[in-house]
């Protein structure tokens, strides 16, 4: 019964584009980033920590995969991550941990250079994982943890 009530709050908040309160958690939703296609939230805030679901190179509003090969997909993914950080009331400077999943680890240097376009020092901690395959056959996915001042 409680789960149904919490799910209703989340669904209502998603429809209104604002966080829902579920006990000590706030659910983050924005239609300016790719809409979740599965059973997960775009972001969850607990205290001053925000956990952002993996962003992919999906173009918001169209549901299309970004053009431009690996570089285009990485740029779109970081752009989506930036949009999510802003939807949480922060910036990429608030990100403390990033996990990058790429299907071709030989393109690490390219991904690293593009990341430098979005982040400045001090950089967040980062783990990069070579993945055999990602959803929708995309080439990159990136999740993050943010810490905000409030």
C-alpha atoms as a PDB file:
ATOM      1  CA  UNK A   1       0.000   0.000   0.000  1.00  0.00           C
ATOM      2  CA  UNK A   2       2.796   2.435   0.880  1.00  0.00           C
ATOM      3  CA  UNK A   3       4.640   1.587  -2.335  1.00  0.00           C
ATOM      4  CA  UNK A   4       1.549   2.428  -4.378  1.00  0.00           C
ATOM      5  CA  UNK A   5       1.242   5.824  -2.688  1.00  0.00           C
ATOM      6  CA  UNK A   6       4.918   6.594  -3.252  1.00  0.00           C
ATOM      7  CA  UNK A   7       4.710   5.506  -6.879  1.00  0.00           C
ATOM      8  CA  UNK A   8       1.698   7.803  -7.391  1.00  0.00           C
ATOM      9  CA  UNK A   9       3.668  10.718  -5.951  1.00  0.00           C
ATOM     10  CA  UNK A  10       6.560   9.979  -8.286  1.00  0.00           C
ATOM     11  CA  UNK A  11       4.325   9.672 -11.335  1.00  0.00           C
ATOM     12  CA  UNK A  12       2.518  12.905 -10.454  1.00  0.00           C
ATOM     13  CA  UNK A  13       5.808  14.741  -9.997  1.00  0.00           C
ATOM     14  CA  UNK A  14       7.152  13.428 -13.289  1.00  0.00           C
ATOM     15  CA  UNK A  15       4.047  14.719 -15.023  1.00  0.00           C
ATOM     16  CA  UNK A  16       4.544  18.143 -13.401  1.00  0.00           C
ATOM     17  CA  UNK A  17       8.335  18.232 -13.935  1.00  0.00           C
ATOM     18  CA  UNK A  18       9.257  18.663 -10.275  1.00  0.00           C
ATOM     19  CA  UNK A  19      10.742  16.461  -7.555  1.00  0.00           C
ATOM     20  CA  UNK A  20       8.496  14.212  -5.489  1.00  0.00           C
ATOM     21  CA  UNK A  21       9.093  13.677  -1.793  1.00  0.00           C
ATOM     22  CA  UNK A  22       9.199  10.019  -0.784  1.00  0.00           C
ATOM     23  CA  UNK A  23      10.313   9.808   2.849  1.00  0.00           C
ATOM     24  CA  UNK A  24      13.877  11.149   2.895  1.00  0.00           C
ATOM     25  CA  UNK A  25      14.301  11.017  -0.883  1.00  0.00           C
ATOM     26  CA  UNK A  26      13.415  13.445  -3.656  1.00  0.00           C
ATOM     27  CA  UNK A  27      12.950  12.105  -7.161  1.00  0.00           C
ATOM     28  CA  UNK A  28      14.460  14.318  -9.863  1.00  0.00           C
ATOM     29  CA  UNK A  29      12.728  14.535 -13.234  1.00  0.00           C
ATOM     30  CA  UNK A  30      13.093  16.810 -16.241  1.00  0.00           C
ATOM     31  CA  UNK A  31      11.784  16.517 -19.771  1.00  0.00           C
ATOM     32  CA  UNK A  32      14.908  18.378 -20.939  1.00  0.00           C
ATOM     33  CA  UNK A  33      16.901  15.130 -20.661  1.00  0.00           C
ATOM     34  CA  UNK A  34      16.026  11.714 -22.082  1.00  0.00           C
ATOM     35  CA  UNK A  35      12.920  10.320 -20.398  1.00  0.00           C
ATOM     36  CA  UNK A  36      13.457   6.987 -18.610  1.00  0.00           C
ATOM     37  CA  UNK A  37      12.244   4.034 -20.635  1.00  0.00           C
ATOM     38  CA  UNK A  38      12.463   1.604 -17.743  1.00  0.00           C
ATOM     39  CA  UNK A  39      11.789   1.263 -14.051  1.00  0.00           C
ATOM     40  CA  UNK A  40      14.216   3.896 -12.786  1.00  0.00           C
ATOM     41  CA  UNK A  41      14.347   7.591 -11.934  1.00  0.00           C
ATOM     42  CA  UNK A  42      16.510  10.132 -13.747  1.00  0.00           C
ATOM     43  CA  UNK A  43      17.902  11.191 -10.402  1.00  0.00           C
ATOM     44  CA  UNK A  44      17.415  10.642  -6.692  1.00  0.00           C
ATOM     45  CA  UNK A  45      18.359  13.197  -4.029  1.00  0.00           C
ATOM     46  CA  UNK A  46      19.076  12.028  -0.488  1.00  0.00           C
ATOM     47  CA  UNK A  47      20.267  14.799   1.818  1.00  0.00           C
ATOM     48  CA  UNK A  48      22.831  16.789  -0.129  1.00  0.00           C
ATOM     49  CA  UNK A  49      23.767  13.865  -2.397  1.00  0.00           C
ATOM     50  CA  UNK A  50      22.228  13.371  -5.827  1.00  0.00           C
ATOM     51  CA  UNK A  51      22.562  10.119  -7.731  1.00  0.00           C
ATOM     52  CA  UNK A  52      22.097  10.579 -11.484  1.00  0.00           C
ATOM     53  CA  UNK A  53      21.068   7.613 -13.622  1.00  0.00           C
ATOM     54  CA  UNK A  54      23.266   6.874 -16.598  1.00  0.00           C
ATOM     55  CA  UNK A  55      22.760   9.306 -19.424  1.00  0.00           C
ATOM     56  CA  UNK A  56      23.009   8.102 -22.992  1.00  0.00           C
ATOM     57  CA  UNK A  57      23.374   9.876 -26.346  1.00  0.00           C
ATOM     58  CA  UNK A  58      19.609  10.131 -26.777  1.00  0.00           C
ATOM     59  CA  UNK A  59      18.451  13.525 -28.024  1.00  0.00           C
ATOM     60  CA  UNK A  60      15.742  14.821 -25.656  1.00  0.00           C
ATOM     61  CA  UNK A  61      12.368  15.298 -27.280  1.00  0.00           C
ATOM     62  CA  UNK A  62      13.101  13.122 -30.298  1.00  0.00           C
ATOM     63  CA  UNK A  63      14.325   9.901 -28.678  1.00  0.00           C
ATOM     64  CA  UNK A  64      16.874   9.656 -31.523  1.00  0.00           C
ATOM     65  CA  UNK A  65      20.488   8.618 -31.001  1.00  0.00           C
ATOM     66  CA  UNK A  66      22.873  11.543 -31.567  1.00  0.00           C
ATOM     67  CA  UNK A  67      24.651  11.675 -34.895  1.00  0.00           C
ATOM     68  CA  UNK A  68      28.384  12.107 -35.344  1.00  0.00           C
ATOM     69  CA  UNK A  69      29.674   8.675 -34.402  1.00  0.00           C
ATOM     70  CA  UNK A  70      31.522   8.182 -31.137  1.00  0.00           C
ATOM     71  CA  UNK A  71      32.400  11.870 -30.668  1.00  0.00           C
ATOM     72  CA  UNK A  72      28.843  13.032 -31.323  1.00  0.00           C
ATOM     73  CA  UNK A  73      27.451  10.454 -28.932  1.00  0.00           C
ATOM     74  CA  UNK A  74      29.911  11.370 -26.171  1.00  0.00           C
ATOM     75  CA  UNK A  75      29.116  15.086 -26.525  1.00  0.00           C
ATOM     76  CA  UNK A  76      25.359  14.445 -26.409  1.00  0.00           C
ATOM     77  CA  UNK A  77      25.779  12.227 -23.351  1.00  0.00           C
ATOM     78  CA  UNK A  78      27.795  14.853 -21.457  1.00  0.00           C
ATOM     79  CA  UNK A  79      25.263  17.477 -22.545  1.00  0.00           C
ATOM     80  CA  UNK A  80      22.460  15.331 -21.097  1.00  0.00           C
ATOM     81  CA  UNK A  81      24.453  14.918 -17.873  1.00  0.00           C
ATOM     82  CA  UNK A  82      24.877  18.708 -17.683  1.00  0.00           C
ATOM     83  CA  UNK A  83      21.136  19.153 -18.190  1.00  0.00           C
ATOM     84  CA  UNK A  84      20.431  16.720 -15.353  1.00  0.00           C
ATOM     85  CA  UNK A  85      22.858  18.539 -13.035  1.00  0.00           C
ATOM     86  CA  UNK A  86      21.059  21.802 -13.796  1.00  0.00           C
ATOM     87  CA  UNK A  87      17.650  20.170 -13.219  1.00  0.00           C
ATOM     88  CA  UNK A  88      18.914  19.339  -9.727  1.00  0.00           C
ATOM     89  CA  UNK A  89      19.794  22.976  -9.108  1.00  0.00           C
ATOM     90  CA  UNK A  90      23.509  22.432  -9.569  1.00  0.00           C
ATOM     91  CA  UNK A  91      26.221  22.324 -12.187  1.00  0.00           C
ATOM     92  CA  UNK A  92      28.802  19.816 -13.345  1.00  0.00           C
ATOM     93  CA  UNK A  93      31.140  21.411 -10.779  1.00  0.00           C
ATOM     94  CA  UNK A  94      29.002  19.677  -8.125  1.00  0.00           C
ATOM     95  CA  UNK A  95      29.751  16.234  -9.593  1.00  0.00           C
ATOM     96  CA  UNK A  96      32.123  14.220  -7.398  1.00  0.00           C
ATOM     97  CA  UNK A  97      32.031  10.821  -9.155  1.00  0.00           C
ATOM     98  CA  UNK A  98      31.511   9.807 -12.782  1.00  0.00           C
ATOM     99  CA  UNK A  99      31.352   6.342 -14.286  1.00  0.00           C
ATOM    100  CA  UNK A 100      31.788   6.215 -18.049  1.00  0.00           C
ATOM    101  CA  UNK A 101      30.868   3.106 -20.023  1.00  0.00           C
ATOM    102  CA  UNK A 102      32.244   2.910 -23.571  1.00  0.00           C
ATOM    103  CA  UNK A 103      31.981   0.073 -26.055  1.00  0.00           C
ATOM    104  CA  UNK A 104      35.414   0.728 -27.573  1.00  0.00           C
ATOM    105  CA  UNK A 105      38.065   1.270 -24.895  1.00  0.00           C
ATOM    106  CA  UNK A 106      40.542   2.312 -27.607  1.00  0.00           C
ATOM    107  CA  UNK A 107      38.541   5.572 -27.815  1.00  0.00           C
ATOM    108  CA  UNK A 108      39.338   6.435 -24.188  1.00  0.00           C
ATOM    109  CA  UNK A 109      41.570   9.365 -25.217  1.00  0.00           C
ATOM    110  CA  UNK A 110      38.799  10.859 -27.360  1.00  0.00           C
ATOM    111  CA  UNK A 111      36.276  10.527 -24.515  1.00  0.00           C
ATOM    112  CA  UNK A 112      38.773  12.047 -22.075  1.00  0.00           C
ATOM    113  CA  UNK A 113      39.342  15.089 -24.321  1.00  0.00           C
ATOM    114  CA  UNK A 114      35.591  15.662 -24.705  1.00  0.00           C
ATOM    115  CA  UNK A 115      35.077  15.328 -20.938  1.00  0.00           C
ATOM    116  CA  UNK A 116      37.601  18.158 -20.496  1.00  0.00           C
ATOM    117  CA  UNK A 117      35.211  20.391 -22.496  1.00  0.00           C
ATOM    118  CA  UNK A 118      32.543  19.889 -19.816  1.00  0.00           C
ATOM    119  CA  UNK A 119      34.534  19.636 -16.562  1.00  0.00           C
ATOM    120  CA  UNK A 120      37.242  21.850 -15.080  1.00  0.00           C
ATOM    121  CA  UNK A 121      39.684  21.207 -12.253  1.00  0.00           C
ATOM    122  CA  UNK A 122      39.280  19.902  -9.683  1.00  0.00           C
ATOM    123  CA  UNK A 123      37.913  17.005 -11.718  1.00  0.00           C
ATOM    124  CA  UNK A 124      35.527  14.467 -10.214  1.00  0.00           C
ATOM    125  CA  UNK A 125      36.695  10.949  -9.477  1.00  0.00           C
ATOM    126  CA  UNK A 126      36.100   8.783 -12.534  1.00  0.00           C
ATOM    127  CA  UNK A 127      35.941   5.151 -13.497  1.00  0.00           C
ATOM    128  CA  UNK A 128      35.892   4.178 -17.158  1.00  0.00           C
ATOM    129  CA  UNK A 129      34.562   0.756 -18.084  1.00  0.00           C
ATOM    130  CA  UNK A 130      34.821  -1.025 -21.418  1.00  0.00           C
ATOM    131  CA  UNK A 131      31.362  -2.473 -22.078  1.00  0.00           C
ATOM    132  CA  UNK A 132      30.549  -5.182 -24.607  1.00  0.00           C
ATOM    133  CA  UNK A 133      27.186  -3.618 -25.435  1.00  0.00           C
ATOM    134  CA  UNK A 134      24.978  -0.781 -24.192  1.00  0.00           C
ATOM    135  CA  UNK A 135      21.243  -0.138 -24.468  1.00  0.00           C
ATOM    136  CA  UNK A 136      19.990   0.680 -27.962  1.00  0.00           C
ATOM    137  CA  UNK A 137      23.472  -0.164 -29.292  1.00  0.00           C
ATOM    138  CA  UNK A 138      24.778   3.216 -28.186  1.00  0.00           C
ATOM    139  CA  UNK A 139      28.516   3.707 -27.780  1.00  0.00           C
ATOM    140  CA  UNK A 140      28.576   5.478 -24.396  1.00  0.00           C
ATOM    141  CA  UNK A 141      26.655   5.850 -21.134  1.00  0.00           C
ATOM    142  CA  UNK A 142      27.635   8.023 -18.157  1.00  0.00           C
ATOM    143  CA  UNK A 143      26.275   8.127 -14.614  1.00  0.00           C
ATOM    144  CA  UNK A 144      27.274  10.489 -11.830  1.00  0.00           C
ATOM    145  CA  UNK A 145      27.024  11.403  -8.172  1.00  0.00           C
ATOM    146  CA  UNK A 146      26.666  15.041  -7.146  1.00  0.00           C
ATOM    147  CA  UNK A 147      27.015  16.756  -3.783  1.00  0.00           C
ATOM    148  CA  UNK A 148      25.139  20.026  -3.392  1.00  0.00           C
ATOM    149  CA  UNK A 149      25.468  22.747  -0.787  1.00  0.00           C
ATOM    150  CA  UNK A 150      21.907  22.262   0.466  1.00  0.00           C
END
